[in-house]
C-alpha atoms as a PDB file:
ATOM      1  CA  UNK A   1       5.698 -43.016  -9.454  1.00  0.00           C
ATOM      2  CA  UNK A   2       2.709 -41.852 -11.481  1.00  0.00           C
ATOM      3  CA  UNK A   3      -0.690 -42.692  -9.986  1.00  0.00           C
ATOM      4  CA  UNK A   4      -3.956 -42.461 -11.904  1.00  0.00           C
ATOM      5  CA  UNK A   5      -7.511 -42.082 -10.635  1.00  0.00           C
ATOM      6  CA  UNK A   6      -9.793 -44.707 -12.130  1.00  0.00           C
ATOM      7  CA  UNK A   7     -13.269 -46.186 -11.924  1.00  0.00           C
ATOM      8  CA  UNK A   8     -12.901 -49.845 -10.973  1.00  0.00           C
ATOM      9  CA  UNK A   9     -15.383 -52.414 -12.286  1.00  0.00           C
ATOM     10  CA  UNK A  10     -14.358 -55.938 -11.384  1.00  0.00           C
ATOM     11  CA  UNK A  11     -10.970 -56.540 -12.995  1.00  0.00           C
ATOM     12  CA  UNK A  12     -11.212 -53.525 -15.300  1.00  0.00           C
ATOM     13  CA  UNK A  13     -10.069 -49.983 -14.514  1.00  0.00           C
ATOM     14  CA  UNK A  14     -11.182 -47.029 -16.632  1.00  0.00           C
ATOM     15  CA  UNK A  15      -9.236 -43.821 -16.144  1.00  0.00           C
ATOM     16  CA  UNK A  16     -11.169 -40.587 -15.797  1.00  0.00           C
ATOM     17  CA  UNK A  17     -11.181 -38.357 -18.921  1.00  0.00           C
ATOM     18  CA  UNK A  18      -8.638 -35.985 -17.344  1.00  0.00           C
ATOM     19  CA  UNK A  19      -6.364 -38.862 -16.374  1.00  0.00           C
ATOM     20  CA  UNK A  20      -6.702 -40.444 -19.824  1.00  0.00           C
ATOM     21  CA  UNK A  21      -5.548 -37.209 -21.454  1.00  0.00           C
ATOM     22  CA  UNK A  22      -2.604 -36.939 -19.055  1.00  0.00           C
ATOM     23  CA  UNK A  23      -1.662 -40.574 -19.627  1.00  0.00           C
ATOM     24  CA  UNK A  24      -1.568 -40.231 -23.411  1.00  0.00           C
ATOM     25  CA  UNK A  25      -0.658 -36.611 -24.152  1.00  0.00           C
ATOM     26  CA  UNK A  26       1.722 -35.828 -21.277  1.00  0.00           C
ATOM     27  CA  UNK A  27       3.257 -39.164 -20.299  1.00  0.00           C
ATOM     28  CA  UNK A  28       2.748 -40.758 -23.739  1.00  0.00           C
ATOM     29  CA  UNK A  29       2.105 -44.184 -22.282  1.00  0.00           C
ATOM     30  CA  UNK A  30       1.339 -47.134 -24.557  1.00  0.00           C
ATOM     31  CA  UNK A  31      -0.809 -50.246 -24.478  1.00  0.00           C
ATOM     32  CA  UNK A  32       0.890 -53.012 -22.484  1.00  0.00           C
ATOM     33  CA  UNK A  33       2.580 -50.667 -20.005  1.00  0.00           C
ATOM     34  CA  UNK A  34       2.064 -51.121 -16.258  1.00  0.00           C
ATOM     35  CA  UNK A  35       0.353 -48.369 -14.254  1.00  0.00           C
ATOM     36  CA  UNK A  36      -0.555 -47.626 -10.640  1.00  0.00           C
ATOM     37  CA  UNK A  37      -4.170 -46.779  -9.840  1.00  0.00           C
ATOM     38  CA  UNK A  38      -6.394 -45.531  -7.023  1.00  0.00           C
ATOM     39  CA  UNK A  39     -10.185 -45.585  -6.806  1.00  0.00           C
ATOM     40  CA  UNK A  40     -10.470 -42.510  -4.560  1.00  0.00           C
ATOM     41  CA  UNK A  41     -12.160 -44.452  -1.751  1.00  0.00           C
ATOM     42  CA  UNK A  42      -9.060 -45.916  -0.173  1.00  0.00           C
ATOM     43  CA  UNK A  43      -7.760 -48.632  -2.490  1.00  0.00           C
ATOM     44  CA  UNK A  44      -4.551 -49.007  -4.509  1.00  0.00           C
ATOM     45  CA  UNK A  45      -4.317 -51.165  -7.640  1.00  0.00           C
ATOM     46  CA  UNK A  46      -1.850 -52.070 -10.330  1.00  0.00           C
ATOM     47  CA  UNK A  47      -2.877 -52.584 -13.933  1.00  0.00           C
ATOM     48  CA  UNK A  48      -1.770 -53.161 -17.517  1.00  0.00           C
ATOM     49  CA  UNK A  49      -2.992 -50.679 -20.120  1.00  0.00           C
ATOM     50  CA  UNK A  50      -5.108 -52.281 -22.851  1.00  0.00           C
ATOM     51  CA  UNK A  51      -6.857 -49.303 -24.446  1.00  0.00           C
ATOM     52  CA  UNK A  52      -4.953 -46.027 -24.733  1.00  0.00           C
ATOM     53  CA  UNK A  53      -6.313 -42.839 -26.276  1.00  0.00           C
ATOM     54  CA  UNK A  54      -6.727 -39.274 -25.080  1.00  0.00           C
ATOM     55  CA  UNK A  55     -10.434 -39.701 -24.286  1.00  0.00           C
ATOM     56  CA  UNK A  56     -10.417 -43.153 -22.736  1.00  0.00           C
ATOM     57  CA  UNK A  57      -7.742 -45.342 -21.186  1.00  0.00           C
ATOM     58  CA  UNK A  58      -8.558 -48.801 -19.860  1.00  0.00           C
ATOM     59  CA  UNK A  59      -6.370 -51.174 -17.863  1.00  0.00           C
ATOM     60  CA  UNK A  60      -6.705 -54.773 -16.730  1.00  0.00           C
ATOM     61  CA  UNK A  61      -6.193 -55.080 -12.976  1.00  0.00           C
ATOM     62  CA  UNK A  62      -3.041 -57.086 -12.253  1.00  0.00           C
ATOM     63  CA  UNK A  63      -2.813 -56.553  -8.474  1.00  0.00           C
ATOM     64  CA  UNK A  64      -4.967 -55.194  -5.674  1.00  0.00           C
ATOM     65  CA  UNK A  65      -6.889 -53.919  -4.000  1.00  0.00           C
ATOM     66  CA  UNK A  66      -4.509 -52.840  -1.262  1.00  0.00           C
ATOM     67  CA  UNK A  67      -6.327 -50.611   1.211  1.00  0.00           C
ATOM     68  CA  UNK A  68      -4.697 -47.492   2.648  1.00  0.00           C
ATOM     69  CA  UNK A  69      -4.563 -47.318   6.439  1.00  0.00           C
ATOM     70  CA  UNK A  70      -7.035 -44.598   7.455  1.00  0.00           C
ATOM     71  CA  UNK A  71      -6.415 -42.214  10.323  1.00  0.00           C
ATOM     72  CA  UNK A  72      -8.690 -42.847  13.341  1.00  0.00           C
ATOM     73  CA  UNK A  73     -10.856 -39.734  13.014  1.00  0.00           C
ATOM     74  CA  UNK A  74     -12.928 -37.780  10.482  1.00  0.00           C
ATOM     75  CA  UNK A  75     -11.989 -34.118  10.096  1.00  0.00           C
ATOM     76  CA  UNK A  76     -14.329 -31.708   8.327  1.00  0.00           C
ATOM     77  CA  UNK A  77     -12.785 -28.247   7.997  1.00  0.00           C
ATOM     78  CA  UNK A  78     -15.282 -25.461   7.337  1.00  0.00           C
ATOM     79  CA  UNK A  79     -13.355 -22.333   6.420  1.00  0.00           C
ATOM     80  CA  UNK A  80     -14.040 -18.908   4.950  1.00  0.00           C
ATOM     81  CA  UNK A  81     -12.354 -18.505   1.542  1.00  0.00           C
ATOM     82  CA  UNK A  82      -9.446 -16.088   1.464  1.00  0.00           C
ATOM     83  CA  UNK A  83      -9.433 -12.957  -0.680  1.00  0.00           C
ATOM     84  CA  UNK A  84      -6.221 -14.149  -2.344  1.00  0.00           C
ATOM     85  CA  UNK A  85      -7.152 -17.233  -4.373  1.00  0.00           C
ATOM     86  CA  UNK A  86      -3.573 -18.545  -4.276  1.00  0.00           C
ATOM     87  CA  UNK A  87      -3.721 -18.833  -0.488  1.00  0.00           C
ATOM     88  CA  UNK A  88      -6.953 -20.814  -0.686  1.00  0.00           C
ATOM     89  CA  UNK A  89      -5.517 -23.199  -3.260  1.00  0.00           C
ATOM     90  CA  UNK A  90      -2.382 -23.615  -1.133  1.00  0.00           C
ATOM     91  CA  UNK A  91      -4.545 -24.524   1.854  1.00  0.00           C
ATOM     92  CA  UNK A  92      -6.408 -27.203  -0.109  1.00  0.00           C
ATOM     93  CA  UNK A  93      -3.177 -28.723  -1.405  1.00  0.00           C
ATOM     94  CA  UNK A  94      -1.444 -28.842   1.983  1.00  0.00           C
ATOM     95  CA  UNK A  95      -4.516 -29.942   3.950  1.00  0.00           C
ATOM     96  CA  UNK A  96      -5.014 -32.845   1.546  1.00  0.00           C
ATOM     97  CA  UNK A  97      -1.357 -33.846   1.796  1.00  0.00           C
ATOM     98  CA  UNK A  98      -1.726 -33.967   5.592  1.00  0.00           C
ATOM     99  CA  UNK A  99      -4.914 -36.010   5.524  1.00  0.00           C
ATOM    100  CA  UNK A 100      -8.085 -33.881   5.577  1.00  0.00           C
ATOM    101  CA  UNK A 101     -11.376 -35.722   5.034  1.00  0.00           C
ATOM    102  CA  UNK A 102     -13.668 -32.893   3.965  1.00  0.00           C
ATOM    103  CA  UNK A 103     -13.444 -29.154   3.281  1.00  0.00           C
ATOM    104  CA  UNK A 104     -16.376 -26.755   3.061  1.00  0.00           C
ATOM    105  CA  UNK A 105     -15.962 -23.098   2.154  1.00  0.00           C
ATOM    106  CA  UNK A 106     -18.159 -20.884   4.316  1.00  0.00           C
ATOM    107  CA  UNK A 107     -19.876 -17.630   3.395  1.00  0.00           C
ATOM    108  CA  UNK A 108     -19.666 -15.420   6.503  1.00  0.00           C
ATOM    109  CA  UNK A 109     -20.683 -11.834   7.269  1.00  0.00           C
ATOM    110  CA  UNK A 110     -17.076 -10.633   6.924  1.00  0.00           C
ATOM    111  CA  UNK A 111     -16.100 -12.860   3.993  1.00  0.00           C
ATOM    112  CA  UNK A 112     -13.912 -11.110   1.428  1.00  0.00           C
ATOM    113  CA  UNK A 113     -14.542 -13.639  -1.348  1.00  0.00           C
ATOM    114  CA  UNK A 114     -18.007 -14.653  -2.521  1.00  0.00           C
ATOM    115  CA  UNK A 115     -17.078 -16.787  -5.549  1.00  0.00           C
ATOM    116  CA  UNK A 116     -14.866 -19.868  -5.748  1.00  0.00           C
ATOM    117  CA  UNK A 117     -13.979 -22.227  -8.578  1.00  0.00           C
ATOM    118  CA  UNK A 118     -15.007 -25.529  -7.038  1.00  0.00           C
ATOM    119  CA  UNK A 119     -13.868 -27.625 -10.020  1.00  0.00           C
ATOM    120  CA  UNK A 120     -10.346 -26.224  -9.836  1.00  0.00           C
ATOM    121  CA  UNK A 121     -10.126 -26.866  -6.099  1.00  0.00           C
ATOM    122  CA  UNK A 122     -11.237 -30.469  -6.643  1.00  0.00           C
ATOM    123  CA  UNK A 123      -8.486 -30.930  -9.240  1.00  0.00           C
ATOM    124  CA  UNK A 124      -5.930 -29.493  -6.817  1.00  0.00           C
ATOM    125  CA  UNK A 125      -7.146 -31.929  -4.164  1.00  0.00           C
ATOM    126  CA  UNK A 126      -6.898 -34.887  -6.547  1.00  0.00           C
ATOM    127  CA  UNK A 127      -3.387 -33.892  -7.579  1.00  0.00           C
ATOM    128  CA  UNK A 128      -2.341 -33.590  -3.923  1.00  0.00           C
ATOM    129  CA  UNK A 129      -3.753 -37.050  -3.172  1.00  0.00           C
ATOM    130  CA  UNK A 130      -1.649 -38.606  -5.921  1.00  0.00           C
ATOM    131  CA  UNK A 131       1.458 -36.587  -5.046  1.00  0.00           C
ATOM    132  CA  UNK A 132       1.268 -37.728  -1.412  1.00  0.00           C
ATOM    133  CA  UNK A 133       0.614 -41.368  -2.391  1.00  0.00           C
ATOM    134  CA  UNK A 134      -2.836 -41.580  -0.836  1.00  0.00           C
ATOM    135  CA  UNK A 135      -5.914 -43.456  -2.026  1.00  0.00           C
ATOM    136  CA  UNK A 136      -8.683 -41.441  -0.355  1.00  0.00           C
ATOM    137  CA  UNK A 137      -9.892 -38.341  -2.199  1.00  0.00           C
ATOM    138  CA  UNK A 138     -11.407 -35.877   0.305  1.00  0.00           C
ATOM    139  CA  UNK A 139     -14.754 -34.238  -0.286  1.00  0.00           C
ATOM    140  CA  UNK A 140     -14.510 -30.610  -1.438  1.00  0.00           C
ATOM    141  CA  UNK A 141     -17.738 -28.638  -1.028  1.00  0.00           C
ATOM    142  CA  UNK A 142     -18.612 -25.354  -2.671  1.00  0.00           C
ATOM    143  CA  UNK A 143     -19.412 -22.056  -0.984  1.00  0.00           C
ATOM    144  CA  UNK A 144     -22.029 -22.665   1.718  1.00  0.00           C
ATOM    145  CA  UNK A 145     -23.959 -20.238   3.909  1.00  0.00           C
ATOM    146  CA  UNK A 146     -22.828 -20.018   7.538  1.00  0.00           C
ATOM    147  CA  UNK A 147     -26.248 -21.012   8.894  1.00  0.00           C
ATOM    148  CA  UNK A 148     -26.250 -24.183   6.806  1.00  0.00           C
ATOM    149  CA  UNK A 149     -22.758 -25.142   7.952  1.00  0.00           C
ATOM    150  CA  UNK A 150     -23.492 -24.817  11.663  1.00  0.00           C
ATOM    151  CA  UNK A 151     -26.428 -27.199  11.215  1.00  0.00           C
ATOM    152  CA  UNK A 152     -24.152 -29.938   9.838  1.00  0.00           C
ATOM    153  CA  UNK A 153     -24.016 -33.074  11.958  1.00  0.00           C
ATOM    154  CA  UNK A 154     -20.806 -34.074  13.767  1.00  0.00           C
ATOM    155  CA  UNK A 155     -19.769 -35.730  17.007  1.00  0.00           C
ATOM    156  CA  UNK A 156     -17.642 -32.719  17.925  1.00  0.00           C
ATOM    157  CA  UNK A 157     -18.099 -29.129  16.755  1.00  0.00           C
ATOM    158  CA  UNK A 158     -15.504 -26.398  17.246  1.00  0.00           C
ATOM    159  CA  UNK A 159     -15.281 -22.715  16.348  1.00  0.00           C
ATOM    160  CA  UNK A 160     -11.952 -20.869  16.415  1.00  0.00           C
ATOM    161  CA  UNK A 161     -12.247 -17.099  16.768  1.00  0.00           C
ATOM    162  CA  UNK A 162     -10.280 -14.110  18.060  1.00  0.00           C
ATOM    163  CA  UNK A 163     -12.705 -12.695  20.638  1.00  0.00           C
ATOM    164  CA  UNK A 164     -11.694 -12.815  24.291  1.00  0.00           C
ATOM    165  CA  UNK A 165     -13.461 -15.701  26.024  1.00  0.00           C
ATOM    166  CA  UNK A 166     -12.766 -18.878  27.931  1.00  0.00           C
ATOM    167  CA  UNK A 167     -11.456 -21.378  25.383  1.00  0.00           C
ATOM    168  CA  UNK A 168      -9.992 -24.853  25.308  1.00  0.00           C
ATOM    169  CA  UNK A 169      -7.598 -26.328  22.758  1.00  0.00           C
ATOM    170  CA  UNK A 170      -8.140 -29.337  20.520  1.00  0.00           C
ATOM    171  CA  UNK A 171      -5.793 -31.348  22.731  1.00  0.00           C
ATOM    172  CA  UNK A 172      -8.341 -31.079  25.549  1.00  0.00           C
ATOM    173  CA  UNK A 173     -10.808 -33.264  23.625  1.00  0.00           C
ATOM    174  CA  UNK A 174     -10.936 -36.951  22.749  1.00  0.00           C
ATOM    175  CA  UNK A 175     -10.856 -36.806  18.940  1.00  0.00           C
ATOM    176  CA  UNK A 176     -10.221 -40.450  18.109  1.00  0.00           C
ATOM    177  CA  UNK A 177     -12.967 -42.390  16.309  1.00  0.00           C
ATOM    178  CA  UNK A 178     -15.156 -39.300  16.117  1.00  0.00           C
ATOM    179  CA  UNK A 179     -16.289 -36.908  13.399  1.00  0.00           C
ATOM    180  CA  UNK A 180     -15.171 -33.334  14.014  1.00  0.00           C
ATOM    181  CA  UNK A 181     -16.395 -30.147  12.351  1.00  0.00           C
ATOM    182  CA  UNK A 182     -14.038 -27.189  12.825  1.00  0.00           C
ATOM    183  CA  UNK A 183     -15.048 -23.644  11.822  1.00  0.00           C
ATOM    184  CA  UNK A 184     -12.406 -21.108  10.765  1.00  0.00           C
ATOM    185  CA  UNK A 185     -13.483 -17.554   9.971  1.00  0.00           C
ATOM    186  CA  UNK A 186     -12.351 -14.896   7.486  1.00  0.00           C
ATOM    187  CA  UNK A 187      -9.532 -12.388   8.046  1.00  0.00           C
ATOM    188  CA  UNK A 188     -12.055 -10.081   9.742  1.00  0.00           C
ATOM    189  CA  UNK A 189     -13.109 -12.954  12.040  1.00  0.00           C
ATOM    190  CA  UNK A 190     -16.615 -14.160  12.793  1.00  0.00           C
ATOM    191  CA  UNK A 191     -19.109 -11.600  14.055  1.00  0.00           C
ATOM    192  CA  UNK A 192     -20.341 -11.832  17.639  1.00  0.00           C
ATOM    193  CA  UNK A 193     -23.716 -12.891  16.269  1.00  0.00           C
ATOM    194  CA  UNK A 194     -22.161 -15.759  14.298  1.00  0.00           C
ATOM    195  CA  UNK A 195     -20.243 -16.963  17.351  1.00  0.00           C
ATOM    196  CA  UNK A 196     -23.435 -16.901  19.426  1.00  0.00           C
ATOM    197  CA  UNK A 197     -25.353 -18.834  16.762  1.00  0.00           C
ATOM    198  CA  UNK A 198     -22.618 -21.454  16.538  1.00  0.00           C
ATOM    199  CA  UNK A 199     -22.562 -21.918  20.315  1.00  0.00           C
ATOM    200  CA  UNK A 200     -26.332 -22.435  20.298  1.00  0.00           C
ATOM    201  CA  UNK A 201     -25.787 -25.245  17.769  1.00  0.00           C
ATOM    202  CA  UNK A 202     -23.343 -27.009  20.069  1.00  0.00           C
ATOM    203  CA  UNK A 203     -20.000 -25.561  18.943  1.00  0.00           C
ATOM    204  CA  UNK A 204     -17.214 -25.334  21.513  1.00  0.00           C
ATOM    205  CA  UNK A 205     -14.928 -22.290  21.393  1.00  0.00           C
ATOM    206  CA  UNK A 206     -11.278 -23.188  20.861  1.00  0.00           C
ATOM    207  CA  UNK A 207      -7.928 -21.429  20.745  1.00  0.00           C
ATOM    208  CA  UNK A 208      -5.285 -22.238  18.129  1.00  0.00           C
ATOM    209  CA  UNK A 209      -2.501 -20.618  20.147  1.00  0.00           C
ATOM    210  CA  UNK A 210      -1.286 -17.235  21.377  1.00  0.00           C
ATOM    211  CA  UNK A 211      -0.500 -15.831  17.919  1.00  0.00           C
ATOM    212  CA  UNK A 212      -3.104 -14.416  15.565  1.00  0.00           C
ATOM    213  CA  UNK A 213      -3.077 -16.544  12.410  1.00  0.00           C
ATOM    214  CA  UNK A 214      -4.109 -15.906   8.841  1.00  0.00           C
ATOM    215  CA  UNK A 215      -7.189 -17.850   7.775  1.00  0.00           C
ATOM    216  CA  UNK A 216      -5.278 -20.418   5.728  1.00  0.00           C
ATOM    217  CA  UNK A 217      -2.632 -20.813   8.447  1.00  0.00           C
ATOM    218  CA  UNK A 218      -5.343 -21.407  11.042  1.00  0.00           C
ATOM    219  CA  UNK A 219      -6.915 -24.049   8.827  1.00  0.00           C
ATOM    220  CA  UNK A 220      -3.650 -25.876   8.323  1.00  0.00           C
ATOM    221  CA  UNK A 221      -2.900 -25.616  12.045  1.00  0.00           C
ATOM    222  CA  UNK A 222      -6.082 -27.579  12.739  1.00  0.00           C
ATOM    223  CA  UNK A 223      -5.220 -30.291  10.216  1.00  0.00           C
ATOM    224  CA  UNK A 224      -1.693 -30.506  11.606  1.00  0.00           C
ATOM    225  CA  UNK A 225      -2.932 -30.816  15.194  1.00  0.00           C
ATOM    226  CA  UNK A 226      -5.195 -33.748  14.321  1.00  0.00           C
ATOM    227  CA  UNK A 227      -2.366 -35.422  12.437  1.00  0.00           C
ATOM    228  CA  UNK A 228       0.190 -34.985  15.237  1.00  0.00           C
ATOM    229  CA  UNK A 229      -2.166 -36.104  18.012  1.00  0.00           C
ATOM    230  CA  UNK A 230      -2.748 -39.379  16.184  1.00  0.00           C
ATOM    231  CA  UNK A 231       0.802 -40.197  15.074  1.00  0.00           C
END
């Protein structure tokens, strides 16, 4: 089933420019055909195409909205971008499929990548939303300084690092109905100074298990844990 992202105005749906091009040039859909739509904020629709060209496709809403059931938490993953861009893109795709709410890429002292293509990551996220039949498009933020990230507001704040210290696991906390911010560092880990700063801003130190994980694996482990806890 092909799903398109659209701006909904009353009983009219206008596909985004990218979706309009895909609808006409790739799928070669015609006026009068039925399509499935999402608005990106949790709602599914059905529509009938009335205007079809590569720059603008419009559909009349024939059914909806039907609201997607939302998981009972808000998960904001703040993670250092990996040196290998493919691993970072893989993380975005899989995290979105599993139900992430927000991703921020963090510039840390030991970061190996200082430039990211935010637009491409947003497109990957949108594609993953449609592929996994979801209606919520998560927020993808660009590269942000560590000090700005640790000042973000959240009900629960966690930092996962490799230094020896007394740590809990995510399962030790009540995550339901709360906004969580989870920090994952680069391959070289957070510095001791960064860990201290985060703790001063209310971050709890957590362990993701006995094994040392790659950055992208650690990020997906967090998303998976939230998903499994709330099955």
